[in-house]
C-alpha cells in the first residue's frame, strides 16, 4: 500500500474514485476547515501499487485537486512549472534540494 496527501477544491464533498477490485482498504483523515486529505491505501495481493497511486493522482487532478498537497513533491512527483521556477529563483545554485519535483540534480540546474 501507500500513504499520500492531496488537496481537493473547497466545495468538493466526495472522494476520488479508486478501483474497488484492487483496493482492500482506504483510510482517510484530514484537517478541520480545509480540504487537505491524508489517505492510507491498502491494496489487494498482486496489485501494482505504483499504478494505483498513479491512478489516484489522475483522479484527484480530474476534479481540479492537487497531489501532493501538504508534504511536498520530493523526487516522486513532477512539480508544476511555476513551482520549479520559484525554487530555481530561490536556489540558483541548486544546493538545497537537488532533484526535487523533477528538477535537475546538477549544480546550477545544469547551467553554467
N, C-alpha and C. Protein backbone atom coordinates (compact mmCIF):
# COMPACT_ATOMS: atom_id res chain seq x y z
N UNK A 1 0.82 -1.18 0.00
CA UNK A 1 0.00 0.00 0.00
C UNK A 1 0.86 1.25 0.00
N UNK A 2 0.21 2.37 0.24
CA UNK A 2 0.92 3.65 0.26
C UNK A 2 0.15 4.67 1.08
N UNK A 3 0.86 5.72 1.47
CA UNK A 3 0.26 6.87 2.13
C UNK A 3 0.48 8.08 1.24
N UNK A 4 -0.49 8.96 1.19
CA UNK A 4 -0.36 10.16 0.36
C UNK A 4 -1.19 11.28 0.95
N UNK A 5 -1.06 12.45 0.39
CA UNK A 5 -1.90 13.58 0.76
C UNK A 5 -2.29 14.32 -0.50
N UNK A 6 -3.51 14.87 -0.50
CA UNK A 6 -3.96 15.64 -1.66
C UNK A 6 -4.93 16.72 -1.20
N UNK A 7 -5.05 17.75 -2.02
CA UNK A 7 -5.97 18.85 -1.74
C UNK A 7 -7.11 18.79 -2.74
N UNK A 8 -8.31 18.94 -2.25
CA UNK A 8 -9.50 18.96 -3.10
C UNK A 8 -10.03 20.38 -3.20
N UNK A 9 -10.78 20.70 -4.26
CA UNK A 9 -11.38 22.03 -4.35
C UNK A 9 -12.26 22.30 -3.13
N UNK A 10 -12.40 23.57 -2.75
CA UNK A 10 -13.05 23.91 -1.49
C UNK A 10 -14.48 23.43 -1.36
N UNK A 11 -15.20 23.27 -2.44
CA UNK A 11 -16.59 22.81 -2.34
C UNK A 11 -16.77 21.33 -2.67
N UNK A 12 -15.67 20.62 -2.83
CA UNK A 12 -15.73 19.18 -3.15
C UNK A 12 -16.15 18.41 -1.90
N UNK A 13 -17.17 17.59 -2.03
CA UNK A 13 -17.65 16.81 -0.87
C UNK A 13 -17.40 15.32 -1.03
N UNK A 14 -17.04 14.89 -2.23
CA UNK A 14 -16.79 13.47 -2.45
C UNK A 14 -15.32 13.13 -2.30
N UNK A 15 -14.99 11.91 -2.65
CA UNK A 15 -13.60 11.46 -2.64
C UNK A 15 -13.26 10.92 -4.03
N UNK A 16 -12.00 10.99 -4.42
CA UNK A 16 -11.61 10.46 -5.73
C UNK A 16 -11.89 8.96 -5.81
N UNK A 17 -12.35 8.53 -6.98
CA UNK A 17 -12.64 7.11 -7.19
C UNK A 17 -11.37 6.28 -7.24
N UNK A 18 -11.50 5.04 -6.76
CA UNK A 18 -10.43 4.05 -6.89
C UNK A 18 -11.08 2.73 -7.27
N UNK A 19 -10.33 1.87 -7.91
CA UNK A 19 -10.83 0.57 -8.36
C UNK A 19 -11.06 -0.35 -7.16
N UNK A 20 -12.32 -0.62 -6.84
CA UNK A 20 -12.66 -1.43 -5.65
C UNK A 20 -12.19 -2.87 -5.79
N UNK A 21 -11.93 -3.31 -7.02
CA UNK A 21 -11.43 -4.68 -7.21
C UNK A 21 -9.94 -4.80 -6.86
N UNK A 22 -9.26 -3.66 -6.75
CA UNK A 22 -7.83 -3.67 -6.47
C UNK A 22 -7.47 -3.14 -5.09
N UNK A 23 -8.38 -2.41 -4.48
CA UNK A 23 -8.11 -1.77 -3.19
C UNK A 23 -8.84 -2.51 -2.07
N UNK A 24 -8.09 -2.90 -1.04
CA UNK A 24 -8.67 -3.61 0.09
C UNK A 24 -9.24 -2.66 1.13
N UNK A 25 -8.56 -1.52 1.34
CA UNK A 25 -8.96 -0.61 2.42
C UNK A 25 -8.44 0.79 2.14
N UNK A 26 -9.30 1.78 2.37
CA UNK A 26 -8.90 3.19 2.27
C UNK A 26 -9.15 3.83 3.63
N UNK A 27 -8.15 4.49 4.17
CA UNK A 27 -8.29 5.19 5.45
C UNK A 27 -7.95 6.65 5.22
N UNK A 28 -8.92 7.53 5.46
CA UNK A 28 -8.74 8.95 5.21
C UNK A 28 -8.88 9.74 6.50
N UNK A 29 -8.10 10.78 6.59
CA UNK A 29 -8.20 11.72 7.70
C UNK A 29 -7.75 13.07 7.16
N UNK A 30 -8.25 14.13 7.76
CA UNK A 30 -7.92 15.45 7.21
C UNK A 30 -7.93 16.50 8.30
N UNK A 31 -7.68 17.73 7.88
CA UNK A 31 -7.67 18.86 8.79
C UNK A 31 -9.05 19.51 8.78
N UNK A 32 -9.55 19.85 9.93
CA UNK A 32 -10.83 20.55 10.03
C UNK A 32 -10.69 21.92 9.37
N UNK A 33 -11.59 22.24 8.49
CA UNK A 33 -11.60 23.56 7.89
C UNK A 33 -10.85 23.70 6.58
N UNK A 34 -10.25 22.64 6.11
CA UNK A 34 -9.62 22.71 4.78
C UNK A 34 -9.79 21.36 4.10
N UNK A 35 -9.58 21.35 2.83
CA UNK A 35 -9.79 20.11 2.08
C UNK A 35 -8.49 19.39 1.76
N UNK A 36 -7.54 19.38 2.70
CA UNK A 36 -6.34 18.56 2.56
C UNK A 36 -6.65 17.21 3.18
N UNK A 37 -6.51 16.18 2.39
CA UNK A 37 -6.84 14.82 2.83
C UNK A 37 -5.57 13.99 2.87
N UNK A 38 -5.40 13.27 3.96
CA UNK A 38 -4.32 12.28 4.07
C UNK A 38 -5.00 10.93 3.88
N UNK A 39 -4.41 10.09 3.07
CA UNK A 39 -5.04 8.79 2.80
C UNK A 39 -4.00 7.68 2.81
N UNK A 40 -4.33 6.63 3.54
CA UNK A 40 -3.55 5.39 3.53
C UNK A 40 -4.35 4.38 2.74
N UNK A 41 -3.72 3.76 1.77
CA UNK A 41 -4.40 2.82 0.88
C UNK A 41 -3.74 1.45 0.99
N UNK A 42 -4.53 0.45 1.29
CA UNK A 42 -4.07 -0.94 1.30
C UNK A 42 -4.60 -1.60 0.03
N UNK A 43 -3.71 -2.16 -0.77
CA UNK A 43 -4.14 -2.81 -2.00
C UNK A 43 -4.19 -4.32 -1.80
N UNK A 44 -4.94 -4.96 -2.65
CA UNK A 44 -5.06 -6.42 -2.59
C UNK A 44 -3.78 -7.07 -3.12
N UNK A 45 -3.51 -8.31 -2.71
CA UNK A 45 -2.30 -9.01 -3.16
C UNK A 45 -2.19 -9.04 -4.68
N UNK A 46 -0.98 -8.83 -5.17
CA UNK A 46 -0.71 -8.90 -6.59
C UNK A 46 -1.01 -7.62 -7.37
N UNK A 47 -1.51 -6.60 -6.69
CA UNK A 47 -1.87 -5.35 -7.37
C UNK A 47 -0.63 -4.44 -7.46
N UNK A 48 -0.48 -3.77 -8.58
CA UNK A 48 0.63 -2.84 -8.80
C UNK A 48 0.36 -1.55 -8.01
N UNK A 49 1.06 -1.39 -6.90
CA UNK A 49 0.85 -0.24 -6.01
C UNK A 49 1.13 1.07 -6.75
N UNK A 50 2.21 1.11 -7.52
CA UNK A 50 2.55 2.34 -8.23
C UNK A 50 1.45 2.75 -9.21
N UNK A 51 0.84 1.78 -9.86
CA UNK A 51 -0.24 2.10 -10.80
C UNK A 51 -1.45 2.65 -10.06
N UNK A 52 -1.80 2.07 -8.92
CA UNK A 52 -2.94 2.57 -8.13
C UNK A 52 -2.65 3.99 -7.67
N UNK A 53 -1.43 4.25 -7.21
CA UNK A 53 -1.05 5.60 -6.78
C UNK A 53 -1.15 6.58 -7.95
N UNK A 54 -0.66 6.18 -9.10
CA UNK A 54 -0.74 6.99 -10.32
C UNK A 54 -2.20 7.27 -10.68
N UNK A 55 -3.04 6.25 -10.61
CA UNK A 55 -4.47 6.41 -10.91
C UNK A 55 -5.13 7.39 -9.95
N UNK A 56 -4.76 7.32 -8.67
CA UNK A 56 -5.33 8.24 -7.68
C UNK A 56 -4.92 9.67 -8.00
N UNK A 57 -3.66 9.87 -8.36
CA UNK A 57 -3.19 11.22 -8.72
C UNK A 57 -4.03 11.78 -9.86
N UNK A 58 -4.29 10.98 -10.87
CA UNK A 58 -5.09 11.44 -12.01
C UNK A 58 -6.55 11.67 -11.61
N UNK A 59 -7.08 10.86 -10.71
CA UNK A 59 -8.46 11.06 -10.24
C UNK A 59 -8.58 12.37 -9.46
N UNK A 60 -7.58 12.67 -8.65
CA UNK A 60 -7.57 13.93 -7.89
C UNK A 60 -7.48 15.10 -8.86
N UNK A 61 -6.59 15.03 -9.82
CA UNK A 61 -6.43 16.11 -10.79
C UNK A 61 -7.66 16.28 -11.67
N UNK A 62 -8.39 15.20 -11.93
CA UNK A 62 -9.60 15.27 -12.75
C UNK A 62 -10.70 16.09 -12.10
N UNK A 63 -10.66 16.21 -10.77
CA UNK A 63 -11.66 17.03 -10.08
C UNK A 63 -11.03 18.35 -9.59
N UNK A 64 -9.94 18.76 -10.27
CA UNK A 64 -9.23 20.01 -10.01
C UNK A 64 -8.53 20.05 -8.66
N UNK A 65 -8.14 18.89 -8.16
CA UNK A 65 -7.36 18.82 -6.94
C UNK A 65 -5.87 18.79 -7.24
N UNK A 66 -5.06 18.73 -6.18
CA UNK A 66 -3.60 18.66 -6.33
C UNK A 66 -3.05 17.53 -5.48
N UNK A 67 -2.15 16.78 -6.04
CA UNK A 67 -1.43 15.73 -5.33
C UNK A 67 0.02 15.82 -5.79
N UNK A 68 0.94 16.06 -4.88
CA UNK A 68 0.80 16.15 -3.43
C UNK A 68 0.28 17.52 -3.02
N UNK A 69 -0.15 17.60 -1.77
CA UNK A 69 -0.71 18.85 -1.27
C UNK A 69 0.14 19.44 -0.16
N UNK A 70 0.28 18.70 0.91
CA UNK A 70 0.89 19.26 2.11
C UNK A 70 2.35 18.88 2.30
N UNK A 71 2.73 17.70 1.92
CA UNK A 71 4.06 17.21 2.26
C UNK A 71 5.07 17.28 1.13
N UNK A 72 4.79 18.07 0.11
CA UNK A 72 5.79 18.37 -0.91
C UNK A 72 5.92 17.35 -2.02
N UNK A 73 6.70 17.74 -3.00
CA UNK A 73 6.86 16.95 -4.21
C UNK A 73 7.91 15.86 -4.08
N UNK A 74 8.94 16.10 -3.27
CA UNK A 74 10.02 15.14 -3.17
C UNK A 74 10.57 14.84 -4.55
N UNK A 75 11.09 13.65 -4.73
CA UNK A 75 11.59 13.27 -6.05
C UNK A 75 10.59 12.37 -6.78
N UNK A 76 9.46 12.09 -6.13
CA UNK A 76 8.46 11.21 -6.72
C UNK A 76 7.54 11.92 -7.70
N UNK A 77 7.22 13.18 -7.43
CA UNK A 77 6.24 13.91 -8.23
C UNK A 77 6.88 15.03 -9.02
N UNK A 78 6.41 15.22 -10.23
CA UNK A 78 6.82 16.34 -11.06
C UNK A 78 6.09 17.59 -10.57
N UNK A 79 6.83 18.64 -10.28
CA UNK A 79 6.22 19.89 -9.81
C UNK A 79 5.74 20.71 -11.00
N UNK A 80 4.71 21.53 -10.79
CA UNK A 80 4.27 22.44 -11.86
C UNK A 80 5.40 23.40 -12.24
N UNK A 81 5.37 23.88 -13.47
CA UNK A 81 6.43 24.75 -13.99
C UNK A 81 6.63 26.00 -13.13
N UNK A 82 5.54 26.62 -12.65
CA UNK A 82 5.68 27.82 -11.84
C UNK A 82 6.36 27.52 -10.50
N UNK A 83 6.12 26.34 -9.97
CA UNK A 83 6.77 25.94 -8.71
C UNK A 83 8.26 25.74 -8.94
N UNK A 84 8.61 25.05 -10.03
CA UNK A 84 10.03 24.86 -10.35
C UNK A 84 10.74 26.20 -10.54
N UNK A 85 10.09 27.13 -11.23
CA UNK A 85 10.69 28.45 -11.46
C UNK A 85 10.92 29.17 -10.14
N UNK A 86 9.99 29.08 -9.22
CA UNK A 86 10.14 29.70 -7.90
C UNK A 86 11.31 29.09 -7.14
N UNK A 87 11.42 27.76 -7.17
CA UNK A 87 12.54 27.09 -6.49
C UNK A 87 13.87 27.53 -7.10
N UNK A 88 13.92 27.58 -8.43
CA UNK A 88 15.17 27.95 -9.09
C UNK A 88 15.56 29.39 -8.79
N UNK A 89 14.57 30.27 -8.64
CA UNK A 89 14.85 31.66 -8.28
C UNK A 89 15.38 31.76 -6.84
N UNK A 90 14.85 30.94 -5.95
CA UNK A 90 15.28 30.96 -4.54
C UNK A 90 16.60 30.24 -4.32
N UNK A 91 16.92 29.29 -5.19
CA UNK A 91 18.13 28.46 -5.03
C UNK A 91 18.84 28.32 -6.38
N UNK A 92 19.42 29.41 -6.89
CA UNK A 92 20.02 29.35 -8.23
C UNK A 92 21.19 28.38 -8.36
N UNK A 93 21.83 28.04 -7.26
CA UNK A 93 22.95 27.08 -7.32
C UNK A 93 22.48 25.63 -7.21
N UNK A 94 21.19 25.43 -6.88
CA UNK A 94 20.61 24.09 -6.74
C UNK A 94 21.34 23.27 -5.67
N UNK A 95 21.51 23.88 -4.50
CA UNK A 95 22.21 23.17 -3.42
C UNK A 95 21.29 22.69 -2.30
N UNK A 96 20.08 23.24 -2.21
CA UNK A 96 19.21 22.88 -1.09
C UNK A 96 18.52 21.53 -1.29
N UNK A 97 17.88 21.34 -2.41
CA UNK A 97 17.13 20.11 -2.67
C UNK A 97 17.27 19.69 -4.13
N UNK A 98 18.46 19.33 -4.58
CA UNK A 98 18.61 18.96 -5.99
C UNK A 98 17.72 17.76 -6.34
N UNK A 99 17.09 17.87 -7.50
CA UNK A 99 16.24 16.78 -7.98
C UNK A 99 14.81 16.83 -7.51
N UNK A 100 14.48 17.75 -6.61
CA UNK A 100 13.12 17.81 -6.08
C UNK A 100 12.14 18.21 -7.19
N UNK A 101 11.00 17.58 -7.21
CA UNK A 101 9.94 17.93 -8.14
C UNK A 101 10.28 17.81 -9.61
N UNK A 102 11.27 16.98 -9.92
CA UNK A 102 11.66 16.79 -11.31
C UNK A 102 12.69 17.79 -11.80
N UNK A 103 13.29 18.56 -10.87
CA UNK A 103 14.35 19.48 -11.28
C UNK A 103 15.64 18.69 -11.47
N UNK A 104 16.62 19.36 -12.04
CA UNK A 104 17.92 18.73 -12.30
C UNK A 104 18.65 18.40 -10.99
N UNK A 105 19.47 17.39 -11.02
CA UNK A 105 20.35 17.06 -9.90
C UNK A 105 21.67 17.84 -10.00
N UNK A 106 21.90 18.47 -11.15
CA UNK A 106 23.18 19.14 -11.42
C UNK A 106 23.28 20.50 -10.74
N UNK A 107 24.51 20.87 -10.40
CA UNK A 107 24.76 22.20 -9.85
C UNK A 107 24.26 23.24 -10.85
N UNK A 108 23.63 24.28 -10.35
CA UNK A 108 23.04 25.35 -11.17
C UNK A 108 22.04 24.80 -12.19
N UNK A 109 21.42 23.68 -11.86
CA UNK A 109 20.41 23.06 -12.72
C UNK A 109 20.97 22.70 -14.09
N UNK A 110 22.28 22.47 -14.15
CA UNK A 110 22.92 22.10 -15.40
C UNK A 110 23.42 23.28 -16.20
N UNK A 111 23.15 24.50 -15.73
CA UNK A 111 23.65 25.70 -16.42
C UNK A 111 25.05 26.04 -15.95
N UNK A 112 25.62 27.08 -16.50
CA UNK A 112 26.99 27.48 -16.13
C UNK A 112 26.98 28.64 -15.19
